[in-house]
Amino acid sequence: MDFTAFFLLGTTAFLAIYLHRLMVQAAPEVSRGKWGLGTASFLGLWWGLTVYASLRGGLQATADSAVPWLMLGWLPAIVPILLWRYHGGFRHLVDRIPASRLLGVQSVRWVGILMLWSWWDGQLPAIFAIPAGLGGVATALMAPWAARAVETRHSSGAAWGRLLNLVGLLDIALSMILGGLTGPGPHQALSLRFPSTAASAFPLVLTPAFLVPLVLLVHMASLRSLRRLP
């Protein structure tokens, strides 16, 4: 196993474990076991299936792919979205997570460094890897400062938090657009001689198929929590 695989497996597993911990800490003591088991089962299954599918090549994009198979990793995200919409207890639980902790989650966007390395190593085209990598690194750099500003109730804390969410969401949007336009398939319009095939193969695919949908959900929860700050 090379360093990239080790780093991404560790980072995505850490993200799942940390989000589980946040949910358990936010849950009332009487229902902590229920929420802890449910969150651990859901995140563990999501992570495990994504790793298995990526190792088997099930998320790999090809020139004949009419569908971006890596988006299958996003399907589990429907579960927390539905719970948020229809389960008041789940919504209340997420609201109990401190805003600073939600902002701090975005520190995992350090994985953007791997995008830059993959470009330097000749695995990904520059037009995709450089913007996506720099956006991820910028988000990761901002996360501790924004989290600290909110935690200490600095007068500009909420503004820093909103800025972090804006930068993070723009990074996700830009990365998805460029990934789609440079990936092999009928929609490829950029980097025609050098598609971003490696981005949908193990281990890099763990970022768009698991990490990205999770941090996107955290962005949504963070924006809601920031609305309650002065």
Protein backbone atom coordinates (compact mmCIF):
# COMPACT_ATOMS: atom_id res chain seq x y z
CA MET A 1 0.00 0.00 0.00
CA ASP A 2 1.49 3.35 -1.04
CA PHE A 3 1.42 6.56 0.98
CA THR A 4 -1.53 8.06 -0.91
CA ALA A 5 -3.71 5.03 -0.19
CA PHE A 6 -2.63 4.92 3.46
CA PHE A 7 -3.25 8.65 3.89
CA LEU A 8 -6.69 8.64 2.28
CA LEU A 9 -7.86 5.51 4.08
CA GLY A 10 -6.72 7.03 7.37
CA THR A 11 -8.21 10.46 6.68
CA THR A 12 -11.62 9.16 5.60
CA ALA A 13 -11.75 6.75 8.55
CA PHE A 14 -10.78 9.58 10.90
CA LEU A 15 -13.55 11.77 9.46
CA ALA A 16 -16.14 9.07 10.05
CA ILE A 17 -14.92 8.44 13.61
CA TYR A 18 -14.81 12.15 14.44
CA LEU A 19 -18.33 12.79 13.14
CA HIS A 20 -19.54 9.82 15.16
CA ARG A 21 -17.93 11.30 18.25
CA LEU A 22 -19.58 14.68 17.65
CA MET A 23 -22.99 13.04 17.38
CA VAL A 24 -22.47 10.97 20.54
CA GLN A 25 -21.28 13.99 22.53
CA ALA A 26 -24.28 16.02 21.37
CA ALA A 27 -26.83 13.32 22.23
CA PRO A 28 -28.66 13.39 25.57
CA GLU A 29 -27.30 10.78 27.96
CA VAL A 30 -30.54 8.78 27.90
CA SER A 31 -30.34 8.24 24.12
CA ARG A 32 -26.56 8.35 23.66
CA GLY A 33 -26.25 4.61 23.11
CA LYS A 34 -28.95 4.57 20.43
CA TRP A 35 -27.49 7.46 18.47
CA GLY A 36 -23.96 6.18 18.92
CA LEU A 37 -24.79 2.73 17.56
CA GLY A 38 -26.84 4.12 14.70
CA THR A 39 -24.20 6.65 13.64
CA ALA A 40 -21.35 4.15 13.92
CA SER A 41 -23.26 1.55 11.88
CA PHE A 42 -24.22 4.03 9.17
CA LEU A 43 -20.83 5.71 8.76
CA GLY A 44 -18.95 2.42 9.08
CA LEU A 45 -21.08 0.76 6.42
CA TRP A 46 -20.80 3.77 4.11
CA TRP A 47 -17.02 3.86 4.47
CA GLY A 48 -16.62 0.12 4.11
CA LEU A 49 -18.78 -0.16 1.00
CA THR A 50 -17.00 2.78 -0.63
CA VAL A 51 -13.58 1.27 0.02
CA TYR A 52 -14.73 -2.15 -1.23
CA ALA A 53 -16.32 -0.73 -4.39
CA SER A 54 -13.26 1.37 -5.17
CA LEU A 55 -10.90 -1.57 -4.70
CA ARG A 56 -13.05 -3.64 -7.05
CA GLY A 57 -13.06 -0.87 -9.66
CA GLY A 58 -16.79 -0.34 -9.27
CA LEU A 59 -16.47 3.46 -9.20
CA GLN A 60 -13.99 3.70 -12.07
CA ALA A 61 -14.90 6.01 -14.97
CA THR A 62 -14.20 4.81 -18.51
CA ALA A 63 -14.58 6.25 -21.99
CA ASP A 64 -17.87 4.36 -22.33
CA SER A 65 -19.28 5.51 -18.99
CA ALA A 66 -22.45 7.50 -19.53
CA VAL A 67 -22.91 7.71 -15.75
CA PRO A 68 -20.27 8.96 -13.26
CA TRP A 69 -20.17 5.80 -11.16
CA LEU A 70 -18.29 7.47 -8.31
CA MET A 71 -21.50 9.38 -7.57
CA LEU A 72 -22.86 6.10 -6.20
CA GLY A 73 -20.86 7.00 -3.12
CA TRP A 74 -23.21 9.94 -2.63
CA LEU A 75 -26.36 7.83 -2.34
CA PRO A 76 -25.99 7.19 1.43
CA ALA A 77 -26.08 10.98 1.95
CA ILE A 78 -29.80 10.77 1.23
CA VAL A 79 -30.31 9.13 4.64
CA PRO A 80 -29.16 12.07 6.83
CA ILE A 81 -30.91 14.51 4.49
CA LEU A 82 -34.21 12.67 4.96
CA LEU A 83 -33.64 12.41 8.70
CA TRP A 84 -32.93 16.14 8.81
CA ARG A 85 -36.16 16.84 6.96
CA TYR A 86 -38.51 14.47 8.72
CA HIS A 87 -36.95 13.54 12.09
CA GLY A 88 -37.05 16.36 14.60
CA GLY A 89 -34.88 14.46 17.07
CA PHE A 90 -32.07 14.12 14.53
CA ARG A 91 -32.32 17.79 13.58
CA HIS A 92 -32.21 18.81 17.23
CA LEU A 93 -29.20 16.55 17.81
CA VAL A 94 -27.23 18.12 14.96
CA ASP A 95 -28.18 21.58 16.25
CA ARG A 96 -26.56 20.70 19.58
CA ILE A 97 -23.13 20.25 17.97
CA PRO A 98 -21.04 23.40 18.64
CA ALA A 99 -20.59 25.60 15.57
CA SER A 100 -16.84 25.69 16.12
CA ARG A 101 -16.61 21.89 15.94
CA LEU A 102 -18.49 21.81 12.65
CA LEU A 103 -16.11 24.39 11.20
CA GLY A 104 -13.11 22.45 12.44
CA VAL A 105 -14.21 19.37 10.51
CA GLN A 106 -13.13 21.10 7.31
CA SER A 107 -9.50 20.67 8.36
CA VAL A 108 -9.65 17.26 6.64
CA ARG A 109 -9.54 19.13 3.34
CA TRP A 110 -5.76 18.81 3.62
CA VAL A 111 -6.31 15.93 1.21
CA GLY A 112 -6.07 18.64 -1.44
CA ILE A 113 -2.31 18.22 -1.11
CA LEU A 114 -2.70 14.77 -2.64
CA MET A 115 -4.37 16.31 -5.68
CA LEU A 116 -1.38 18.58 -6.18
CA TRP A 117 1.00 15.67 -5.69
CA SER A 118 -0.97 13.56 -8.18
CA TRP A 119 -0.60 16.33 -10.74
CA TRP A 120 3.13 16.65 -10.03
CA ASP A 121 3.47 12.87 -10.28
CA GLY A 122 1.76 12.84 -13.67
CA GLN A 123 -1.45 11.09 -12.57
CA LEU A 124 -3.92 13.96 -13.00
CA PRO A 125 -4.21 16.86 -15.47
CA ALA A 126 -3.23 20.28 -14.14
CA ILE A 127 -6.49 21.95 -15.20
CA PHE A 128 -8.33 19.74 -12.71
CA ALA A 129 -5.83 18.92 -9.97
CA ILE A 130 -4.39 22.39 -9.32
CA PRO A 131 -7.68 24.29 -8.73
CA ALA A 132 -9.15 21.38 -6.76
CA GLY A 133 -6.01 20.91 -4.70
CA LEU A 134 -5.48 24.58 -3.91
CA GLY A 135 -9.15 24.99 -2.99
CA GLY A 136 -8.93 22.10 -0.56
CA VAL A 137 -5.73 23.40 1.02
CA ALA A 138 -7.20 26.91 1.34
CA THR A 139 -10.27 25.50 3.11
CA ALA A 140 -8.11 23.43 5.45
CA LEU A 141 -5.95 26.44 6.33
CA MET A 142 -8.98 28.58 7.13
CA ALA A 143 -10.78 25.96 9.22
CA PRO A 144 -8.81 26.26 12.50
CA TRP A 145 -8.91 30.07 12.41
CA ALA A 146 -12.65 30.17 11.76
CA ALA A 147 -13.32 27.54 14.42
CA ARG A 148 -11.20 29.41 16.96
CA ALA A 149 -12.89 32.73 16.18
CA VAL A 150 -16.33 31.20 16.76
CA GLU A 151 -15.26 29.29 19.86
CA THR A 152 -13.84 32.43 21.52
CA ARG A 153 -16.91 34.42 20.44
CA HIS A 154 -14.82 36.89 18.51
CA SER A 155 -16.85 39.71 16.97
CA SER A 156 -15.95 38.49 13.48
CA GLY A 157 -16.38 34.80 14.29
CA ALA A 158 -19.65 34.33 12.39
CA ALA A 159 -18.23 36.18 9.39
CA TRP A 160 -15.15 33.92 9.38
CA GLY A 161 -17.40 30.89 9.59
CA ARG A 162 -19.53 31.99 6.65
CA LEU A 163 -16.43 32.77 4.61
CA LEU A 164 -15.02 29.32 5.32
CA ASN A 165 -18.26 27.71 4.19
CA LEU A 166 -18.31 29.83 1.05
CA VAL A 167 -14.74 28.90 0.12
CA GLY A 168 -15.35 25.24 0.90
CA LEU A 169 -18.56 25.06 -1.13
CA LEU A 170 -16.99 26.84 -4.09
CA ASP A 171 -14.10 24.37 -3.96
CA ILE A 172 -16.51 21.43 -4.06
CA ALA A 173 -18.51 22.92 -6.93
CA LEU A 174 -15.41 23.76 -8.98
CA SER A 175 -13.83 20.36 -8.34
CA MET A 176 -16.99 18.52 -9.41
CA ILE A 177 -17.33 20.58 -12.58
CA LEU A 178 -13.70 20.21 -13.58
CA GLY A 179 -13.68 16.55 -12.61
CA GLY A 180 -16.68 15.93 -14.84
CA LEU A 181 -15.24 17.87 -17.75
CA THR A 182 -11.84 16.15 -17.58
CA GLY A 183 -13.01 12.64 -16.72
CA PRO A 184 -13.24 9.98 -19.42
CA GLY A 185 -16.66 9.67 -20.96
CA PRO A 186 -19.13 11.38 -23.28
CA HIS A 187 -19.09 14.60 -21.24
CA GLN A 188 -15.33 15.13 -21.39
CA ALA A 189 -14.58 18.55 -22.84
CA LEU A 190 -11.19 19.39 -21.30
CA SER A 191 -7.79 17.70 -21.21
CA LEU A 192 -8.86 15.36 -24.00
CA ARG A 193 -5.45 13.70 -24.31
CA PHE A 194 -4.99 13.25 -20.58
CA PRO A 195 -8.29 12.52 -18.76
CA SER A 196 -8.52 12.49 -14.98
CA THR A 197 -9.02 8.72 -14.90
CA ALA A 198 -7.02 8.32 -11.67
CA ALA A 199 -9.54 10.49 -9.78
CA SER A 200 -12.15 7.72 -10.05
CA ALA A 201 -9.76 4.89 -9.17
CA PHE A 202 -8.57 3.71 -5.77
CA PRO A 203 -7.34 5.45 -3.69
CA LEU A 204 -8.09 8.98 -5.00
CA VAL A 205 -11.76 8.14 -5.56
CA LEU A 206 -12.25 7.99 -1.76
CA THR A 207 -12.19 11.79 -1.78
CA PRO A 208 -15.09 12.49 -4.19
CA ALA A 209 -17.05 9.35 -3.27
CA PHE A 210 -16.89 9.57 0.54
CA LEU A 211 -15.12 12.60 1.95
CA VAL A 212 -16.79 15.21 -0.27
CA PRO A 213 -20.44 14.25 0.39
CA LEU A 214 -19.72 14.12 4.12
CA VAL A 215 -18.05 17.53 4.30
CA LEU A 216 -20.87 18.91 2.14
CA LEU A 217 -23.38 17.72 4.75
CA VAL A 218 -21.23 19.36 7.43
CA HIS A 219 -21.27 22.61 5.44
CA MET A 220 -25.08 22.51 5.46
CA ALA A 221 -25.19 21.92 9.22
CA SER A 222 -22.56 24.62 9.80
CA LEU A 223 -24.46 27.28 7.87
CA ARG A 224 -27.54 26.51 9.95
CA SER A 225 -25.61 26.73 13.21
CA LEU A 226 -23.98 30.04 12.23
CA ARG A 227 -27.41 31.62 11.78
CA ARG A 228 -27.89 31.34 15.53
CA LEU A 229 -24.72 33.28 16.33
CA PRO A 230 -24.83 37.05 16.99
